[in-house]
PDB file of N, CA and C in Angstrom:
ATOM      1  N   MET A   1       0.840  -1.192   0.000  1.00  0.00           N
ATOM      2  CA  MET A   1       0.000   0.000   0.000  1.00  0.00           C
ATOM      3  C   MET A   1       0.882   1.252   0.000  1.00  0.00           C
ATOM      4  N   GLN A   2       0.530   2.181  -0.810  1.00  0.00           N
ATOM      5  CA  GLN A   2       1.293   3.429  -0.921  1.00  0.00           C
ATOM      6  C   GLN A   2       0.845   4.413   0.152  1.00  0.00           C
ATOM      7  N   ALA A   3       1.804   5.081   0.763  1.00  0.00           N
ATOM      8  CA  ALA A   3       1.485   6.062   1.797  1.00  0.00           C
ATOM      9  C   ALA A   3       0.731   7.238   1.192  1.00  0.00           C
ATOM     10  N   LYS A   4      -0.265   7.715   1.918  1.00  0.00           N
ATOM     11  CA  LYS A   4      -1.037   8.870   1.464  1.00  0.00           C
ATOM     12  C   LYS A   4      -0.386  10.155   1.956  1.00  0.00           C
ATOM     13  N   THR A   5      -0.566  11.191   1.209  1.00  0.00           N
ATOM     14  CA  THR A   5      -0.084  12.504   1.622  1.00  0.00           C
ATOM     15  C   THR A   5      -1.199  13.189   2.408  1.00  0.00           C
ATOM     16  N   ALA A   6      -0.860  13.729   3.540  1.00  0.00           N
ATOM     17  CA  ALA A   6      -1.846  14.411   4.373  1.00  0.00           C
ATOM     18  C   ALA A   6      -2.362  15.670   3.672  1.00  0.00           C
ATOM     19  N   LYS A   7      -3.647  15.867   3.729  1.00  0.00           N
ATOM     20  CA  LYS A   7      -4.299  17.023   3.099  1.00  0.00           C
ATOM     21  C   LYS A   7      -4.096  18.292   3.931  1.00  0.00           C
ATOM     22  N   PHE A   8      -4.013  18.135   5.256  1.00  0.00           N
ATOM     23  CA  PHE A   8      -3.868  19.274   6.155  1.00  0.00           C
ATOM     24  C   PHE A   8      -2.491  19.246   6.801  1.00  0.00           C
ATOM     25  N   SER A   9      -2.000  20.421   7.184  1.00  0.00           N
ATOM     26  CA  SER A   9      -0.634  20.515   7.711  1.00  0.00           C
ATOM     27  C   SER A   9      -0.628  20.956   9.176  1.00  0.00           C
ATOM     28  N   ILE A  10       0.509  20.740   9.821  1.00  0.00           N
ATOM     29  CA  ILE A  10       0.695  21.169  11.209  1.00  0.00           C
ATOM     30  C   ILE A  10       0.471  22.686  11.276  1.00  0.00           C
ATOM     31  N   GLY A  11      -0.342  23.099  12.234  1.00  0.00           N
ATOM     32  CA  GLY A  11      -0.640  24.525  12.407  1.00  0.00           C
ATOM     33  C   GLY A  11      -1.893  24.988  11.694  1.00  0.00           C
ATOM     34  N   GLN A  12      -2.432  24.177  10.801  1.00  0.00           N
ATOM     35  CA  GLN A  12      -3.615  24.586  10.039  1.00  0.00           C
ATOM     36  C   GLN A  12      -4.877  24.493  10.895  1.00  0.00           C
ATOM     37  N   VAL A  13      -5.762  25.466  10.734  1.00  0.00           N
ATOM     38  CA  VAL A  13      -7.049  25.457  11.433  1.00  0.00           C
ATOM     39  C   VAL A  13      -8.052  24.697  10.561  1.00  0.00           C
ATOM     40  N   VAL A  14      -8.703  23.711  11.177  1.00  0.00           N
ATOM     41  CA  VAL A  14      -9.676  22.874  10.469  1.00  0.00           C
ATOM     42  C   VAL A  14     -10.978  22.826  11.255  1.00  0.00           C
ATOM     43  N   ARG A  15     -12.000  22.343  10.590  1.00  0.00           N
ATOM     44  CA  ARG A  15     -13.332  22.226  11.183  1.00  0.00           C
ATOM     45  C   ARG A  15     -13.824  20.805  10.928  1.00  0.00           C
ATOM     46  N   HIS A  16     -14.555  20.233  11.887  1.00  0.00           N
ATOM     47  CA  HIS A  16     -15.129  18.905  11.682  1.00  0.00           C
ATOM     48  C   HIS A  16     -16.291  19.014  10.707  1.00  0.00           C
ATOM     49  N   ARG A  17     -16.378  18.064   9.819  1.00  0.00           N
ATOM     50  CA  ARG A  17     -17.410  18.061   8.780  1.00  0.00           C
ATOM     51  C   ARG A  17     -18.818  17.894   9.363  1.00  0.00           C
ATOM     52  N   ASN A  18     -18.959  17.123  10.448  1.00  0.00           N
ATOM     53  CA  ASN A  18     -20.288  16.787  10.967  1.00  0.00           C
ATOM     54  C   ASN A  18     -20.574  17.255  12.389  1.00  0.00           C
ATOM     55  N   HIS A  19     -19.561  17.610  13.138  1.00  0.00           N
ATOM     56  CA  HIS A  19     -19.742  18.011  14.536  1.00  0.00           C
ATOM     57  C   HIS A  19     -19.298  19.457  14.719  1.00  0.00           C
ATOM     58  N   PRO A  20     -19.894  20.164  15.684  1.00  0.00           N
ATOM     59  CA  PRO A  20     -19.621  21.598  15.840  1.00  0.00           C
ATOM     60  C   PRO A  20     -18.340  21.906  16.617  1.00  0.00           C
ATOM     61  N   PHE A  21     -17.203  21.531  16.045  1.00  0.00           N
ATOM     62  CA  PHE A  21     -15.937  21.943  16.657  1.00  0.00           C
ATOM     63  C   PHE A  21     -14.897  22.185  15.580  1.00  0.00           C
ATOM     64  N   ARG A  22     -13.896  22.955  15.952  1.00  0.00           N
ATOM     65  CA  ARG A  22     -12.767  23.215  15.072  1.00  0.00           C
ATOM     66  C   ARG A  22     -11.505  23.132  15.896  1.00  0.00           C
ATOM     67  N   GLY A  23     -10.353  23.078  15.217  1.00  0.00           N
ATOM     68  CA  GLY A  23      -9.125  22.952  15.962  1.00  0.00           C
ATOM     69  C   GLY A  23      -7.902  23.211  15.114  1.00  0.00           C
ATOM     70  N   VAL A  24      -6.746  23.117  15.774  1.00  0.00           N
ATOM     71  CA  VAL A  24      -5.459  23.326  15.130  1.00  0.00           C
ATOM     72  C   VAL A  24      -4.736  21.985  15.070  1.00  0.00           C
ATOM     73  N   VAL A  25      -4.259  21.616  13.884  1.00  0.00           N
ATOM     74  CA  VAL A  25      -3.518  20.369  13.723  1.00  0.00           C
ATOM     75  C   VAL A  25      -2.168  20.502  14.422  1.00  0.00           C
ATOM     76  N   PHE A  26      -1.861  19.558  15.351  1.00  0.00           N
ATOM     77  CA  PHE A  26      -0.539  19.585  15.982  1.00  0.00           C
ATOM     78  C   PHE A  26       0.261  18.314  15.732  1.00  0.00           C
ATOM     79  N   ASP A  27      -0.354  17.307  15.131  1.00  0.00           N
ATOM     80  CA  ASP A  27       0.366  16.094  14.746  1.00  0.00           C
ATOM     81  C   ASP A  27      -0.479  15.351  13.724  1.00  0.00           C
ATOM     82  N   VAL A  28       0.191  14.527  12.900  1.00  0.00           N
ATOM     83  CA  VAL A  28      -0.506  13.761  11.862  1.00  0.00           C
ATOM     84  C   VAL A  28       0.030  12.336  11.864  1.00  0.00           C
ATOM     85  N   ASP A  29      -0.894  11.373  11.823  1.00  0.00           N
ATOM     86  CA  ASP A  29      -0.532   9.974  11.635  1.00  0.00           C
ATOM     87  C   ASP A  29      -0.885   9.616  10.197  1.00  0.00           C
ATOM     88  N   ALA A  30       0.010   8.951   9.490  1.00  0.00           N
ATOM     89  CA  ALA A  30      -0.227   8.589   8.088  1.00  0.00           C
ATOM     90  C   ALA A  30      -1.456   7.694   7.931  1.00  0.00           C
ATOM     91  N   GLU A  31      -1.718   6.897   8.957  1.00  0.00           N
ATOM     92  CA  GLU A  31      -2.939   6.106   9.005  1.00  0.00           C
ATOM     93  C   GLU A  31      -3.298   5.909  10.472  1.00  0.00           C
ATOM     94  N   PHE A  32      -4.450   5.304  10.728  1.00  0.00           N
ATOM     95  CA  PHE A  32      -4.948   5.145  12.092  1.00  0.00           C
ATOM     96  C   PHE A  32      -3.880   4.584  13.030  1.00  0.00           C
ATOM     97  N   ALA A  33      -3.664   5.240  14.171  1.00  0.00           N
ATOM     98  CA  ALA A  33      -2.649   4.803  15.126  1.00  0.00           C
ATOM     99  C   ALA A  33      -3.129   4.989  16.563  1.00  0.00           C
ATOM    100  N   ASN A  34      -4.416   4.798  16.777  1.00  0.00           N
ATOM    101  CA  ASN A  34      -4.972   4.877  18.124  1.00  0.00           C
ATOM    102  C   ASN A  34      -5.335   3.462  18.561  1.00  0.00           C
ATOM    103  N   THR A  35      -5.989   3.318  19.708  1.00  0.00           N
ATOM    104  CA  THR A  35      -6.307   1.978  20.205  1.00  0.00           C
ATOM    105  C   THR A  35      -7.507   1.385  19.483  1.00  0.00           C
ATOM    106  N   GLU A  36      -7.554   0.075  19.468  1.00  0.00           N
ATOM    107  CA  GLU A  36      -8.705  -0.617  18.873  1.00  0.00           C
ATOM    108  C   GLU A  36      -9.970  -0.306  19.677  1.00  0.00           C
ATOM    109  N   GLU A  37      -9.827  -0.158  20.981  1.00  0.00           N
ATOM    110  CA  GLU A  37     -10.969   0.187  21.831  1.00  0.00           C
ATOM    111  C   GLU A  37     -11.558   1.540  21.419  1.00  0.00           C
ATOM    112  N   TRP A  38     -10.695   2.519  21.164  1.00  0.00           N
ATOM    113  CA  TRP A  38     -11.149   3.842  20.719  1.00  0.00           C
ATOM    114  C   TRP A  38     -11.901   3.710  19.395  1.00  0.00           C
ATOM    115  N   TYR A  39     -11.322   2.951  18.478  1.00  0.00           N
ATOM    116  CA  TYR A  39     -11.915   2.779  17.150  1.00  0.00           C
ATOM    117  C   TYR A  39     -13.285   2.105  17.243  1.00  0.00           C
ATOM    118  N   GLU A  40     -13.376   1.050  18.050  1.00  0.00           N
ATOM    119  CA  GLU A  40     -14.623   0.308  18.194  1.00  0.00           C
ATOM    120  C   GLU A  40     -15.703   1.127  18.903  1.00  0.00           C
ATOM    121  N   SER A  41     -15.311   2.181  19.634  1.00  0.00           N
ATOM    122  CA  SER A  41     -16.297   3.011  20.337  1.00  0.00           C
ATOM    123  C   SER A  41     -17.075   3.919  19.376  1.00  0.00           C
ATOM    124  N   ILE A  42     -16.586   4.054  18.147  1.00  0.00           N
ATOM    125  CA  ILE A  42     -17.281   4.868  17.136  1.00  0.00           C
ATOM    126  C   ILE A  42     -18.392   4.010  16.534  1.00  0.00           C
ATOM    127  N   PRO A  43     -19.617   4.523  16.469  1.00  0.00           N
ATOM    128  CA  PRO A  43     -20.697   3.729  15.867  1.00  0.00           C
ATOM    129  C   PRO A  43     -20.304   3.243  14.467  1.00  0.00           C
ATOM    130  N   GLU A  44     -20.585   1.985  14.197  1.00  0.00           N
ATOM    131  CA  GLU A  44     -20.130   1.349  12.960  1.00  0.00           C
ATOM    132  C   GLU A  44     -20.576   2.097  11.698  1.00  0.00           C
ATOM    133  N   ASP A  45     -21.781   2.649  11.726  1.00  0.00           N
ATOM    134  CA  ASP A  45     -22.291   3.318  10.521  1.00  0.00           C
ATOM    135  C   ASP A  45     -21.563   4.623  10.197  1.00  0.00           C
ATOM    136  N   ILE A  46     -20.804   5.162  11.152  1.00  0.00           N
ATOM    137  CA  ILE A  46     -20.031   6.383  10.874  1.00  0.00           C
ATOM    138  C   ILE A  46     -18.535   6.202  11.114  1.00  0.00           C
ATOM    139  N   ARG A  47     -18.107   4.968  11.365  1.00  0.00           N
ATOM    140  CA  ARG A  47     -16.694   4.682  11.652  1.00  0.00           C
ATOM    141  C   ARG A  47     -15.846   4.956  10.411  1.00  0.00           C
ATOM    142  N   PRO A  48     -14.781   5.751  10.540  1.00  0.00           N
ATOM    143  CA  PRO A  48     -13.942   6.067   9.375  1.00  0.00           C
ATOM    144  C   PRO A  48     -13.014   4.907   9.004  1.00  0.00           C
ATOM    145  N   ARG A  49     -12.568   4.909   7.770  1.00  0.00           N
ATOM    146  CA  ARG A  49     -11.565   3.937   7.317  1.00  0.00           C
ATOM    147  C   ARG A  49     -10.261   4.188   8.071  1.00  0.00           C
ATOM    148  N   LYS A  50      -9.481   3.138   8.286  1.00  0.00           N
ATOM    149  CA  LYS A  50      -8.199   3.274   8.978  1.00  0.00           C
ATOM    150  C   LYS A  50      -7.073   3.677   8.031  1.00  0.00           C
ATOM    151  N   ASP A  51      -7.238   3.473   6.737  1.00  0.00           N
ATOM    152  CA  ASP A  51      -6.159   3.688   5.763  1.00  0.00           C
ATOM    153  C   ASP A  51      -6.145   5.113   5.210  1.00  0.00           C
ATOM    154  N   GLN A  52      -6.190   6.083   6.094  1.00  0.00           N
ATOM    155  CA  GLN A  52      -6.147   7.499   5.709  1.00  0.00           C
ATOM    156  C   GLN A  52      -5.435   8.247   6.827  1.00  0.00           C
ATOM    157  N   PRO A  53      -4.971   9.451   6.548  1.00  0.00           N
ATOM    158  CA  PRO A  53      -4.352  10.231   7.626  1.00  0.00           C
ATOM    159  C   PRO A  53      -5.351  10.533   8.748  1.00  0.00           C
ATOM    160  N   PHE A  54      -4.834  10.530   9.976  1.00  0.00           N
ATOM    161  CA  PHE A  54      -5.600  10.932  11.156  1.00  0.00           C
ATOM    162  C   PHE A  54      -4.850  12.087  11.800  1.00  0.00           C
ATOM    163  N   TYR A  55      -5.595  13.059  12.313  1.00  0.00           N
ATOM    164  CA  TYR A  55      -5.025  14.295  12.818  1.00  0.00           C
ATOM    165  C   TYR A  55      -5.276  14.470  14.313  1.00  0.00           C
ATOM    166  N   HIS A  56      -4.239  14.914  15.014  1.00  0.00           N
ATOM    167  CA  HIS A  56      -4.343  15.291  16.424  1.00  0.00           C
ATOM    168  C   HIS A  56      -4.619  16.794  16.429  1.00  0.00           C
ATOM    169  N   LEU A  57      -5.693  17.192  17.096  1.00  0.00           N
ATOM    170  CA  LEU A  57      -6.103  18.601  17.095  1.00  0.00           C
ATOM    171  C   LEU A  57      -6.193  19.162  18.508  1.00  0.00           C
ATOM    172  N   PHE A  58      -5.774  20.414  18.663  1.00  0.00           N
ATOM    173  CA  PHE A  58      -6.156  21.201  19.822  1.00  0.00           C
ATOM    174  C   PHE A  58      -7.541  21.724  19.442  1.00  0.00           C
ATOM    175  N   ALA A  59      -8.579  21.144  20.012  1.00  0.00           N
ATOM    176  CA  ALA A  59      -9.941  21.432  19.560  1.00  0.00           C
ATOM    177  C   ALA A  59     -10.683  22.343  20.529  1.00  0.00           C
ATOM    178  N   GLU A  60     -11.642  23.080  19.958  1.00  0.00           N
ATOM    179  CA  GLU A  60     -12.533  23.898  20.771  1.00  0.00           C
ATOM    180  C   GLU A  60     -13.959  23.710  20.269  1.00  0.00           C
ATOM    181  N   ALA A  61     -14.855  23.532  21.232  1.00  0.00           N
ATOM    182  CA  ALA A  61     -16.284  23.523  20.952  1.00  0.00           C
ATOM    183  C   ALA A  61     -16.844  24.778  21.629  1.00  0.00           C
ATOM    184  N   GLU A  62     -18.138  24.915  21.638  1.00  0.00           N
ATOM    185  CA  GLU A  62     -18.728  26.141  22.172  1.00  0.00           C
ATOM    186  C   GLU A  62     -18.337  26.422  23.612  1.00  0.00           C
ATOM    187  N   THR A  63     -18.254  25.373  24.448  1.00  0.00           N
ATOM    188  CA  THR A  63     -17.997  25.606  25.872  1.00  0.00           C
ATOM    189  C   THR A  63     -16.810  24.834  26.437  1.00  0.00           C
ATOM    190  N   THR A  64     -16.019  24.179  25.590  1.00  0.00           N
ATOM    191  CA  THR A  64     -14.934  23.353  26.121  1.00  0.00           C
ATOM    192  C   THR A  64     -13.747  23.265  25.168  1.00  0.00           C
ATOM    193  N   TYR A  65     -12.607  22.890  25.730  1.00  0.00           N
ATOM    194  CA  TYR A  65     -11.382  22.657  24.958  1.00  0.00           C
ATOM    195  C   TYR A  65     -10.935  21.226  25.215  1.00  0.00           C
ATOM    196  N   TYR A  66     -10.373  20.579  24.224  1.00  0.00           N
ATOM    197  CA  TYR A  66      -9.914  19.200  24.379  1.00  0.00           C
ATOM    198  C   TYR A  66      -8.972  18.850  23.247  1.00  0.00           C
ATOM    199  N   VAL A  67      -8.381  17.660  23.314  1.00  0.00           N
ATOM    200  CA  VAL A  67      -7.556  17.148  22.225  1.00  0.00           C
ATOM    201  C   VAL A  67      -8.404  16.129  21.476  1.00  0.00           C
ATOM    202  N   ALA A  68      -8.498  16.284  20.171  1.00  0.00           N
ATOM    203  CA  ALA A  68      -9.307  15.394  19.340  1.00  0.00           C
ATOM    204  C   ALA A  68      -8.412  14.602  18.396  1.00  0.00           C
ATOM    205  N   TYR A  69      -8.882  13.446  17.995  1.00  0.00           N
ATOM    206  CA  TYR A  69      -8.197  12.579  17.020  1.00  0.00           C
ATOM    207  C   TYR A  69      -9.214  12.315  15.928  1.00  0.00           C
ATOM    208  N   VAL A  70      -8.965  12.864  14.718  1.00  0.00           N
ATOM    209  CA  VAL A  70      -9.993  12.884  13.684  1.00  0.00           C
ATOM    210  C   VAL A  70      -9.433  12.415  12.346  1.00  0.00           C
ATOM    211  N   SER A  71     -10.228  11.616  11.647  1.00  0.00           N
ATOM    212  CA  SER A  71      -9.845  11.137  10.322  1.00  0.00           C
ATOM    213  C   SER A  71      -9.932  12.263   9.295  1.00  0.00           C
ATOM    214  N   GLU A  72      -9.106  12.154   8.265  1.00  0.00           N
ATOM    215  CA  GLU A  72      -9.095  13.178   7.221  1.00  0.00           C
ATOM    216  C   GLU A  72     -10.466  13.347   6.579  1.00  0.00           C
ATOM    217  N   GLN A  73     -11.186  12.242   6.371  1.00  0.00           N
ATOM    218  CA  GLN A  73     -12.490  12.327   5.705  1.00  0.00           C
ATOM    219  C   GLN A  73     -13.490  13.173   6.482  1.00  0.00           C
ATOM    220  N   ASN A  74     -13.246  13.387   7.778  1.00  0.00           N
ATOM    221  CA  ASN A  74     -14.176  14.158   8.604  1.00  0.00           C
ATOM    222  C   ASN A  74     -13.739  15.593   8.848  1.00  0.00           C
ATOM    223  N   LEU A  75     -12.709  16.051   8.151  1.00  0.00           N
ATOM    224  CA  LEU A  75     -12.226  17.419   8.342  1.00  0.00           C
ATOM    225  C   LEU A  75     -12.308  18.230   7.058  1.00  0.00           C
ATOM    226  N   VAL A  76     -12.506  19.520   7.233  1.00  0.00           N
ATOM    227  CA  VAL A  76     -12.432  20.486   6.142  1.00  0.00           C
ATOM    228  C   VAL A  76     -11.627  21.680   6.649  1.00  0.00           C
ATOM    229  N   ALA A  77     -11.008  22.399   5.743  1.00  0.00           N
ATOM    230  CA  ALA A  77     -10.278  23.610   6.125  1.00  0.00           C
ATOM    231  C   ALA A  77     -11.275  24.624   6.685  1.00  0.00           C
ATOM    232  N   ASP A  78     -10.852  25.346   7.713  1.00  0.00           N
ATOM    233  CA  ASP A  78     -11.703  26.387   8.301  1.00  0.00           C
ATOM    234  C   ASP A  78     -11.369  27.707   7.624  1.00  0.00           C
ATOM    235  N   PRO A  79     -12.302  28.257   6.848  1.00  0.00           N
ATOM    236  CA  PRO A  79     -12.024  29.480   6.096  1.00  0.00           C
ATOM    237  C   PRO A  79     -12.166  30.770   6.894  1.00  0.00           C
ATOM    238  N   SER A  80     -12.546  30.699   8.183  1.00  0.00           N
ATOM    239  CA  SER A  80     -12.878  31.906   8.940  1.00  0.00           C
ATOM    240  C   SER A  80     -11.678  32.813   9.208  1.00  0.00           C
ATOM    241  N   GLY A  81     -10.466  32.222   9.320  1.00  0.00           N
ATOM    242  CA  GLY A  81      -9.302  33.022   9.671  1.00  0.00           C
ATOM    243  C   GLY A  81      -9.260  33.380  11.145  1.00  0.00           C
ATOM    244  N   GLU A  82     -10.254  32.959  11.904  1.00  0.00           N
ATOM    245  CA  GLU A  82     -10.331  33.262  13.334  1.00  0.00           C
ATOM    246  C   GLU A  82      -9.399  32.361  14.122  1.00  0.00           C
ATOM    247  N   PRO A  83      -8.764  32.872  15.180  1.00  0.00           N
ATOM    248  CA  PRO A  83      -7.898  32.027  16.009  1.00  0.00           C
ATOM    249  C   PRO A  83      -8.713  31.007  16.799  1.00  0.00           C
ATOM    250  N   VAL A  84      -8.059  29.930  17.176  1.00  0.00           N
ATOM    251  CA  VAL A  84      -8.654  28.925  18.064  1.00  0.00           C
ATOM    252  C   VAL A  84      -8.160  29.271  19.465  1.00  0.00           C
ATOM    253  N   GLU A  85      -9.040  29.199  20.442  1.00  0.00           N
ATOM    254  CA  GLU A  85      -8.719  29.672  21.795  1.00  0.00           C
ATOM    255  C   GLU A  85      -8.172  28.592  22.723  1.00  0.00           C
ATOM    256  N   HIS A  86      -7.875  27.411  22.236  1.00  0.00           N
ATOM    257  CA  HIS A  86      -7.397  26.309  23.087  1.00  0.00           C
ATOM    258  C   HIS A  86      -6.166  26.752  23.884  1.00  0.00           C
ATOM    259  N   PRO A  87      -6.126  26.509  25.204  1.00  0.00           N
ATOM    260  CA  PRO A  87      -5.027  27.016  26.029  1.00  0.00           C
ATOM    261  C   PRO A  87      -3.648  26.410  25.734  1.00  0.00           C
ATOM    262  N   GLU A  88      -3.571  25.251  25.115  1.00  0.00           N
ATOM    263  CA  GLU A  88      -2.279  24.627  24.838  1.00  0.00           C
ATOM    264  C   GLU A  88      -1.628  25.125  23.544  1.00  0.00           C
ATOM    265  N   ILE A  89      -2.340  25.869  22.736  1.00  0.00           N
ATOM    266  CA  ILE A  89      -1.794  26.352  21.461  1.00  0.00           C
ATOM    267  C   ILE A  89      -0.523  27.167  21.665  1.00  0.00           C
ATOM    268  N   ALA A  90      -0.524  28.034  22.676  1.00  0.00           N
ATOM    269  CA  ALA A  90       0.628  28.919  22.911  1.00  0.00           C
ATOM    270  C   ALA A  90       1.901  28.160  23.257  1.00  0.00           C
ATOM    271  N   GLU A  91       1.787  26.913  23.739  1.00  0.00           N
ATOM    272  CA  GLU A  91       2.966  26.115  24.066  1.00  0.00           C
ATOM    273  C   GLU A  91       3.702  25.627  22.815  1.00  0.00           C
ATOM    274  N   MET A  92       2.986  25.541  21.699  1.00  0.00           N
ATOM    275  CA  MET A  92       3.555  24.969  20.486  1.00  0.00           C
ATOM    276  C   MET A  92       3.615  25.955  19.325  1.00  0.00           C
ATOM    277  N   PHE A  93       2.674  26.882  19.286  1.00  0.00           N
ATOM    278  CA  PHE A  93       2.548  27.766  18.130  1.00  0.00           C
ATOM    279  C   PHE A  93       2.672  29.240  18.496  1.00  0.00           C
ATOM    280  N   GLY A  94       3.038  30.026  17.487  1.00  0.00           N
ATOM    281  CA  GLY A  94       3.099  31.470  17.623  1.00  0.00           C
ATOM    282  C   GLY A  94       1.881  32.110  16.982  1.00  0.00           C
ATOM    283  N   ALA A  95       2.117  33.075  16.126  1.00  0.00           N
ATOM    284  CA  ALA A  95       1.043  33.847  15.508  1.00  0.00           C
ATOM    285  C   ALA A  95       0.275  33.025  14.465  1.00  0.00           C
ATOM    286  N   ILE A  96      -0.954  33.477  14.193  1.00  0.00           N
ATOM    287  CA  ILE A  96      -1.771  32.880  13.137  1.00  0.00           C
ATOM    288  C   ILE A  96      -1.811  33.846  11.961  1.00  0.00           C
ATOM    289  N   SER A  97      -1.681  33.297  10.763  1.00  0.00           N
ATOM    290  CA  SER A  97      -1.748  34.108   9.551  1.00  0.00           C
ATOM    291  C   SER A  97      -2.365  33.268   8.445  1.00  0.00           C
ATOM    292  N   GLY A  98      -3.441  33.755   7.864  1.00  0.00           N
ATOM    293  CA  GLY A  98      -4.096  33.035   6.783  1.00  0.00           C
ATOM    294  C   GLY A  98      -4.634  31.683   7.200  1.00  0.00           C
ATOM    295  N   GLY A  99      -5.079  31.549   8.450  1.00  0.00           N
ATOM    296  CA  GLY A  99      -5.642  30.300   8.930  1.00  0.00           C
ATOM    297  C   GLY A  99      -4.624  29.241   9.309  1.00  0.00           C
ATOM    298  N   VAL A 100      -3.345  29.645   9.424  1.00  0.00           N
ATOM    299  CA  VAL A 100      -2.287  28.703   9.797  1.00  0.00           C
ATOM    300  C   VAL A 100      -1.436  29.319  10.901  1.00  0.00           C
ATOM    301  N   TYR A 101      -1.212  28.546  11.956  1.00  0.00           N
ATOM    302  CA  TYR A 101      -0.330  28.974  13.040  1.00  0.00           C
ATOM    303  C   TYR A 101       1.106  28.633  12.691  1.00  0.00           C
ATOM    304  N   THR A 102       2.031  29.495  13.098  1.00  0.00           N
ATOM    305  CA  THR A 102       3.462  29.195  12.898  1.00  0.00           C
ATOM    306  C   THR A 102       3.984  28.451  14.122  1.00  0.00           C
ATOM    307  N   LEU A 103       4.850  27.468  13.888  1.00  0.00           N
ATOM    308  CA  LEU A 103       5.458  26.731  14.993  1.00  0.00           C
ATOM    309  C   LEU A 103       6.392  27.632  15.767  1.00  0.00           C
ATOM    310  N   GLN A 104       6.461  27.431  17.078  1.00  0.00           N
ATOM    311  CA  GLN A 104       7.419  28.155  17.911  1.00  0.00           C
ATOM    312  C   GLN A 104       8.826  27.785  17.457  1.00  0.00           C
ATOM    313  N   ASN A 105       9.778  28.649  17.635  1.00  0.00           N
ATOM    314  CA  ASN A 105      11.173  28.329  17.301  1.00  0.00           C
ATOM    315  C   ASN A 105      11.622  27.100  18.061  1.00  0.00           C
ATOM    316  N   GLY A 106      12.329  26.206  17.378  1.00  0.00           N
ATOM    317  CA  GLY A 106      12.857  25.004  18.016  1.00  0.00           C
ATOM    318  C   GLY A 106      11.930  23.818  17.943  1.00  0.00           C
ATOM    319  N   LEU A 107      10.690  24.005  17.495  1.00  0.00           N
ATOM    320  CA  LEU A 107       9.744  22.881  17.359  1.00  0.00           C
ATOM    321  C   LEU A 107       9.618  22.522  15.893  1.00  0.00           C
ATOM    322  N   ASN A 108       9.530  21.229  15.625  1.00  0.00           N
ATOM    323  CA  ASN A 108       9.289  20.803  14.241  1.00  0.00           C
ATOM    324  C   ASN A 108       8.639  19.452  14.215  1.00  0.00           C
TER     325      ASN A 108
END
């Protein structure tokens, strides 16, 4: 199987296709790399394929912040240009420009 190229990049602001949250990509797995228990907890009728990139996000919903693990098929680029307010963003990223955060110096 040929490795897929990730559609979204580290620092990019994305939005979930079906759920009301958005976030900043801080890591990418070329394919599913979480636990089988986590995967099986997703209802079968909406369970994503494992053979696609999965993204670690600093996510924000209306009233909460958390870390999300989301398949590429469930994400779209967030066109708003608005910053994400997750408190951990400042530990890894600097300014936002054009919907993408810049990595802090020394991080890659």
